[in-house]
C-alpha cells in the first residue's frame, strides 16, 4: 500500500489591496483569501499587544486602519499598519487560520 502525505495549503503569494484595507493571499492551492486590515490588527499577538490586552488597554476596533508595509520572513509575514504598529509577525499557518482555512 502506498501512502501519500497530505500537505496543508499555505501562503504562496500576498499583496495589500489597492485601498490598503485588505491583505490578499494566494494559497498553494491557488485559492485567494482576503483578510481585512482591521482583523489583522486586532489579531496581533506581539508582546506589546498581548500586554495591552492583559492590562485592558487594547482597543475594541481599529476603524480605517490600513496596511502600510509587508515583509516576508519565510515562515510568516511582518505587517505594519497606519497607526504606526509594526511589531506583529503573522505566521503563515496563523494567517490561514484567520482566513478560516
N, C-alpha and C. Protein backbone atom coordinates (compact mmCIF):
# COMPACT_ATOMS: atom_id res chain seq x y z
N UNK A 1 0.84 -1.17 0.00
CA UNK A 1 0.00 0.00 0.00
C UNK A 1 0.90 1.24 0.00
N UNK A 2 0.60 2.18 -0.86
CA UNK A 2 1.33 3.43 -0.94
C UNK A 2 0.57 4.50 -0.19
N UNK A 3 1.29 5.23 0.64
CA UNK A 3 0.65 6.32 1.38
C UNK A 3 1.16 7.64 0.83
N UNK A 4 0.24 8.55 0.62
CA UNK A 4 0.58 9.87 0.13
C UNK A 4 0.42 10.88 1.26
N UNK A 5 1.44 11.65 1.47
CA UNK A 5 1.37 12.68 2.52
C UNK A 5 0.47 13.81 2.06
N UNK A 6 -0.39 14.25 2.96
CA UNK A 6 -1.23 15.40 2.69
C UNK A 6 -0.48 16.66 3.12
N UNK A 7 -0.44 17.61 2.25
CA UNK A 7 0.23 18.87 2.55
C UNK A 7 -0.83 19.95 2.71
N UNK A 8 -0.81 20.57 3.86
CA UNK A 8 -1.79 21.64 4.12
C UNK A 8 -1.47 22.84 3.25
N UNK A 9 -2.50 23.51 2.75
CA UNK A 9 -2.26 24.71 1.96
C UNK A 9 -1.60 25.78 2.82
N UNK A 10 -0.80 26.58 2.20
CA UNK A 10 -0.15 27.68 2.89
C UNK A 10 -0.09 28.89 1.97
N UNK A 11 0.50 29.95 2.44
CA UNK A 11 0.60 31.20 1.68
C UNK A 11 1.64 31.03 0.56
N UNK A 12 1.21 31.27 -0.66
CA UNK A 12 2.13 31.23 -1.80
C UNK A 12 2.54 32.64 -2.22
N UNK A 13 1.62 33.57 -2.12
CA UNK A 13 1.88 34.95 -2.53
C UNK A 13 0.91 35.85 -1.77
N UNK A 14 1.21 37.12 -1.73
CA UNK A 14 0.37 38.06 -0.97
C UNK A 14 0.58 39.46 -1.51
N UNK A 15 -0.39 40.32 -1.23
CA UNK A 15 -0.28 41.74 -1.52
C UNK A 15 -1.37 42.47 -0.78
N UNK A 16 -1.16 43.75 -0.57
CA UNK A 16 -2.21 44.58 0.00
C UNK A 16 -3.14 44.99 -1.13
N UNK A 17 -4.42 45.12 -0.81
CA UNK A 17 -5.38 45.59 -1.81
C UNK A 17 -5.05 47.03 -2.19
N UNK A 18 -5.61 47.49 -3.29
CA UNK A 18 -5.33 48.84 -3.78
C UNK A 18 -5.63 49.92 -2.74
N UNK A 19 -6.66 49.70 -1.91
CA UNK A 19 -7.02 50.70 -0.89
C UNK A 19 -6.30 50.44 0.45
N UNK A 20 -5.44 49.43 0.49
CA UNK A 20 -4.64 49.05 1.66
C UNK A 20 -5.48 48.56 2.84
N UNK A 21 -6.74 48.28 2.61
CA UNK A 21 -7.64 47.85 3.68
C UNK A 21 -7.70 46.33 3.85
N UNK A 22 -7.05 45.59 2.96
CA UNK A 22 -7.17 44.14 2.96
C UNK A 22 -5.85 43.50 2.54
N UNK A 23 -5.50 42.39 3.20
CA UNK A 23 -4.38 41.57 2.75
C UNK A 23 -4.97 40.49 1.87
N UNK A 24 -4.50 40.41 0.63
CA UNK A 24 -4.95 39.39 -0.30
C UNK A 24 -3.88 38.31 -0.34
N UNK A 25 -4.30 37.08 -0.08
CA UNK A 25 -3.38 35.96 0.00
C UNK A 25 -3.76 34.93 -1.05
N UNK A 26 -2.77 34.49 -1.82
CA UNK A 26 -2.97 33.36 -2.74
C UNK A 26 -2.32 32.16 -2.08
N UNK A 27 -3.06 31.07 -1.99
CA UNK A 27 -2.55 29.87 -1.33
C UNK A 27 -1.86 28.95 -2.32
N UNK A 28 -1.19 27.95 -1.78
CA UNK A 28 -0.53 26.95 -2.62
C UNK A 28 -1.55 26.13 -3.41
N UNK A 29 -2.81 26.18 -3.02
CA UNK A 29 -3.88 25.50 -3.77
C UNK A 29 -4.58 26.47 -4.73
N UNK A 30 -3.97 27.64 -4.91
CA UNK A 30 -4.45 28.68 -5.83
C UNK A 30 -5.79 29.29 -5.42
N UNK A 31 -6.12 29.24 -4.15
CA UNK A 31 -7.29 29.95 -3.63
C UNK A 31 -6.83 31.37 -3.31
N UNK A 32 -7.76 32.32 -3.38
CA UNK A 32 -7.47 33.69 -2.97
C UNK A 32 -8.27 33.98 -1.71
N UNK A 33 -7.58 34.40 -0.67
CA UNK A 33 -8.20 34.71 0.61
C UNK A 33 -8.05 36.20 0.89
N UNK A 34 -9.01 36.77 1.57
CA UNK A 34 -8.98 38.19 1.92
C UNK A 34 -9.02 38.32 3.44
N UNK A 35 -8.07 39.06 3.96
CA UNK A 35 -8.02 39.32 5.40
C UNK A 35 -8.05 40.83 5.62
N UNK A 36 -9.14 41.35 6.19
CA UNK A 36 -9.23 42.78 6.42
C UNK A 36 -8.12 43.27 7.36
N UNK A 37 -7.59 44.45 7.07
CA UNK A 37 -6.53 45.03 7.90
C UNK A 37 -6.96 45.14 9.36
N UNK A 38 -8.21 45.51 9.59
CA UNK A 38 -8.68 45.63 10.97
C UNK A 38 -8.65 44.28 11.68
N UNK A 39 -9.05 43.22 11.01
CA UNK A 39 -9.00 41.89 11.61
C UNK A 39 -7.55 41.52 11.95
N UNK A 40 -6.64 41.80 11.03
CA UNK A 40 -5.22 41.50 11.28
C UNK A 40 -4.69 42.29 12.47
N UNK A 41 -5.01 43.58 12.52
CA UNK A 41 -4.51 44.42 13.63
C UNK A 41 -5.08 43.94 14.96
N UNK A 42 -6.35 43.56 14.97
CA UNK A 42 -6.98 43.04 16.19
C UNK A 42 -6.41 41.68 16.59
N UNK A 43 -5.85 40.95 15.64
CA UNK A 43 -5.34 39.61 15.88
C UNK A 43 -3.85 39.57 16.17
N UNK A 44 -3.21 40.72 16.28
CA UNK A 44 -1.77 40.76 16.52
C UNK A 44 -1.45 40.10 17.87
N UNK A 45 -0.43 39.25 17.85
CA UNK A 45 -0.04 38.54 19.07
C UNK A 45 1.35 38.95 19.56
N UNK A 46 1.83 40.12 19.13
CA UNK A 46 3.15 40.57 19.59
C UNK A 46 3.08 40.84 21.11
N UNK A 47 4.23 40.96 21.73
CA UNK A 47 4.28 41.18 23.18
C UNK A 47 3.57 42.46 23.60
N UNK A 48 3.72 43.52 22.80
CA UNK A 48 3.07 44.80 23.11
C UNK A 48 1.55 44.65 23.13
N UNK A 49 1.00 44.02 22.11
CA UNK A 49 -0.46 43.85 22.02
C UNK A 49 -0.97 42.86 23.07
N UNK A 50 -0.20 41.82 23.32
CA UNK A 50 -0.58 40.84 24.35
C UNK A 50 -0.65 41.52 25.71
N UNK A 51 0.34 42.36 26.02
CA UNK A 51 0.35 43.08 27.28
C UNK A 51 -0.81 44.07 27.38
N UNK A 52 -1.08 44.77 26.28
CA UNK A 52 -2.20 45.71 26.27
C UNK A 52 -3.52 44.99 26.52
N UNK A 53 -3.68 43.80 25.96
CA UNK A 53 -4.90 43.01 26.22
C UNK A 53 -4.97 42.64 27.71
N UNK A 54 -3.86 42.16 28.23
CA UNK A 54 -3.78 41.76 29.64
C UNK A 54 -4.14 42.92 30.56
N UNK A 55 -3.67 44.12 30.22
CA UNK A 55 -3.92 45.32 31.04
C UNK A 55 -5.26 45.98 30.75
N UNK A 56 -6.03 45.44 29.79
CA UNK A 56 -7.32 46.03 29.45
C UNK A 56 -7.20 47.32 28.65
N UNK A 57 -6.07 47.52 27.97
CA UNK A 57 -5.84 48.75 27.21
C UNK A 57 -5.93 48.54 25.70
N UNK A 58 -6.22 47.32 25.28
CA UNK A 58 -6.25 47.05 23.84
C UNK A 58 -7.59 47.52 23.27
N UNK A 59 -7.57 48.29 22.17
CA UNK A 59 -8.82 48.79 21.60
C UNK A 59 -9.75 47.67 21.11
N UNK A 60 -11.02 47.97 21.06
CA UNK A 60 -12.00 47.01 20.54
C UNK A 60 -12.05 47.02 19.03
N UNK A 61 -11.49 48.03 18.42
CA UNK A 61 -11.50 48.12 16.96
C UNK A 61 -10.45 49.09 16.47
N UNK A 62 -10.17 49.00 15.19
CA UNK A 62 -9.23 49.90 14.53
C UNK A 62 -9.87 50.38 13.22
N UNK A 63 -10.96 51.15 13.32
CA UNK A 63 -11.64 51.59 12.10
C UNK A 63 -10.73 52.40 11.20
N UNK A 64 -10.77 52.11 9.92
CA UNK A 64 -9.98 52.85 8.94
C UNK A 64 -8.51 52.49 8.89
N UNK A 65 -8.09 51.47 9.63
CA UNK A 65 -6.67 51.09 9.64
C UNK A 65 -6.26 50.58 8.25
N UNK A 66 -5.02 50.85 7.89
CA UNK A 66 -4.51 50.43 6.58
C UNK A 66 -3.20 49.68 6.76
N UNK A 67 -2.92 48.82 5.82
CA UNK A 67 -1.65 48.10 5.77
C UNK A 67 -0.65 49.02 5.06
N UNK A 68 0.48 49.28 5.71
CA UNK A 68 1.46 50.18 5.11
C UNK A 68 2.70 49.45 4.58
N UNK A 69 3.03 48.31 5.16
CA UNK A 69 4.18 47.53 4.69
C UNK A 69 3.95 46.06 5.00
N UNK A 70 4.54 45.21 4.16
CA UNK A 70 4.51 43.76 4.38
C UNK A 70 5.91 43.24 4.09
N UNK A 71 6.46 42.49 5.03
CA UNK A 71 7.77 41.87 4.85
C UNK A 71 7.63 40.37 5.04
N UNK A 72 8.12 39.61 4.08
CA UNK A 72 8.07 38.15 4.15
C UNK A 72 9.27 37.65 4.94
N UNK A 73 9.02 36.95 6.04
CA UNK A 73 10.07 36.42 6.89
C UNK A 73 10.29 34.92 6.64
N UNK A 74 9.67 34.40 5.60
CA UNK A 74 9.78 32.97 5.31
C UNK A 74 8.65 32.20 5.96
N UNK A 75 8.66 32.10 7.27
CA UNK A 75 7.62 31.38 8.00
C UNK A 75 6.37 32.22 8.25
N UNK A 76 6.48 33.53 8.04
CA UNK A 76 5.35 34.41 8.31
C UNK A 76 5.58 35.78 7.72
N UNK A 77 4.60 36.64 7.92
CA UNK A 77 4.66 38.00 7.40
C UNK A 77 4.71 38.99 8.55
N UNK A 78 5.58 39.97 8.43
CA UNK A 78 5.61 41.10 9.35
C UNK A 78 4.79 42.20 8.66
N UNK A 79 3.72 42.60 9.30
CA UNK A 79 2.80 43.58 8.71
C UNK A 79 2.82 44.86 9.54
N UNK A 80 2.99 45.99 8.85
CA UNK A 80 2.95 47.29 9.50
C UNK A 80 1.64 47.98 9.14
N UNK A 81 1.14 48.78 10.07
CA UNK A 81 -0.17 49.42 9.91
C UNK A 81 -0.06 50.94 10.02
N UNK A 82 -1.11 51.59 9.57
CA UNK A 82 -1.14 53.05 9.52
C UNK A 82 -1.15 53.72 10.89
N UNK A 83 -1.39 52.95 11.97
CA UNK A 83 -1.33 53.54 13.30
C UNK A 83 0.10 53.50 13.85
N UNK A 84 1.06 53.07 13.01
CA UNK A 84 2.45 53.02 13.41
C UNK A 84 2.89 51.68 13.96
N UNK A 85 1.95 50.78 14.20
CA UNK A 85 2.30 49.47 14.76
C UNK A 85 2.98 48.62 13.68
N UNK A 86 4.17 48.10 14.00
CA UNK A 86 4.90 47.29 13.03
C UNK A 86 5.60 46.10 13.66
N UNK A 87 5.14 45.69 14.83
CA UNK A 87 5.79 44.61 15.57
C UNK A 87 5.18 43.24 15.31
N UNK A 88 4.03 43.20 14.69
CA UNK A 88 3.32 41.94 14.54
C UNK A 88 3.92 41.03 13.48
N UNK A 89 4.16 39.79 13.87
CA UNK A 89 4.58 38.76 12.93
C UNK A 89 3.44 37.74 12.89
N UNK A 90 2.97 37.49 11.69
CA UNK A 90 1.83 36.61 11.48
C UNK A 90 2.34 35.34 10.78
N UNK A 91 2.58 34.25 11.54
CA UNK A 91 3.00 33.01 10.89
C UNK A 91 1.98 32.63 9.80
N UNK A 92 2.47 32.04 8.73
CA UNK A 92 1.59 31.72 7.60
C UNK A 92 0.46 30.79 8.02
N UNK A 93 0.73 29.87 8.91
CA UNK A 93 -0.33 28.98 9.39
C UNK A 93 -1.39 29.77 10.17
N UNK A 94 -0.98 30.81 10.88
CA UNK A 94 -1.91 31.68 11.62
C UNK A 94 -2.77 32.48 10.63
N UNK A 95 -2.16 33.00 9.57
CA UNK A 95 -2.93 33.72 8.55
C UNK A 95 -3.99 32.81 7.93
N UNK A 96 -3.61 31.56 7.67
CA UNK A 96 -4.58 30.61 7.10
C UNK A 96 -5.73 30.38 8.08
N UNK A 97 -5.43 30.27 9.35
CA UNK A 97 -6.50 30.06 10.34
C UNK A 97 -7.39 31.28 10.47
N UNK A 98 -6.80 32.49 10.40
CA UNK A 98 -7.61 33.70 10.45
C UNK A 98 -8.57 33.79 9.26
N UNK A 99 -8.15 33.22 8.14
CA UNK A 99 -8.98 33.23 6.93
C UNK A 99 -9.95 32.06 6.90
N UNK A 100 -9.94 31.23 7.95
CA UNK A 100 -10.87 30.11 8.02
C UNK A 100 -10.41 28.88 7.26
N UNK A 101 -9.10 28.77 7.04
CA UNK A 101 -8.56 27.59 6.33
C UNK A 101 -7.66 26.80 7.22
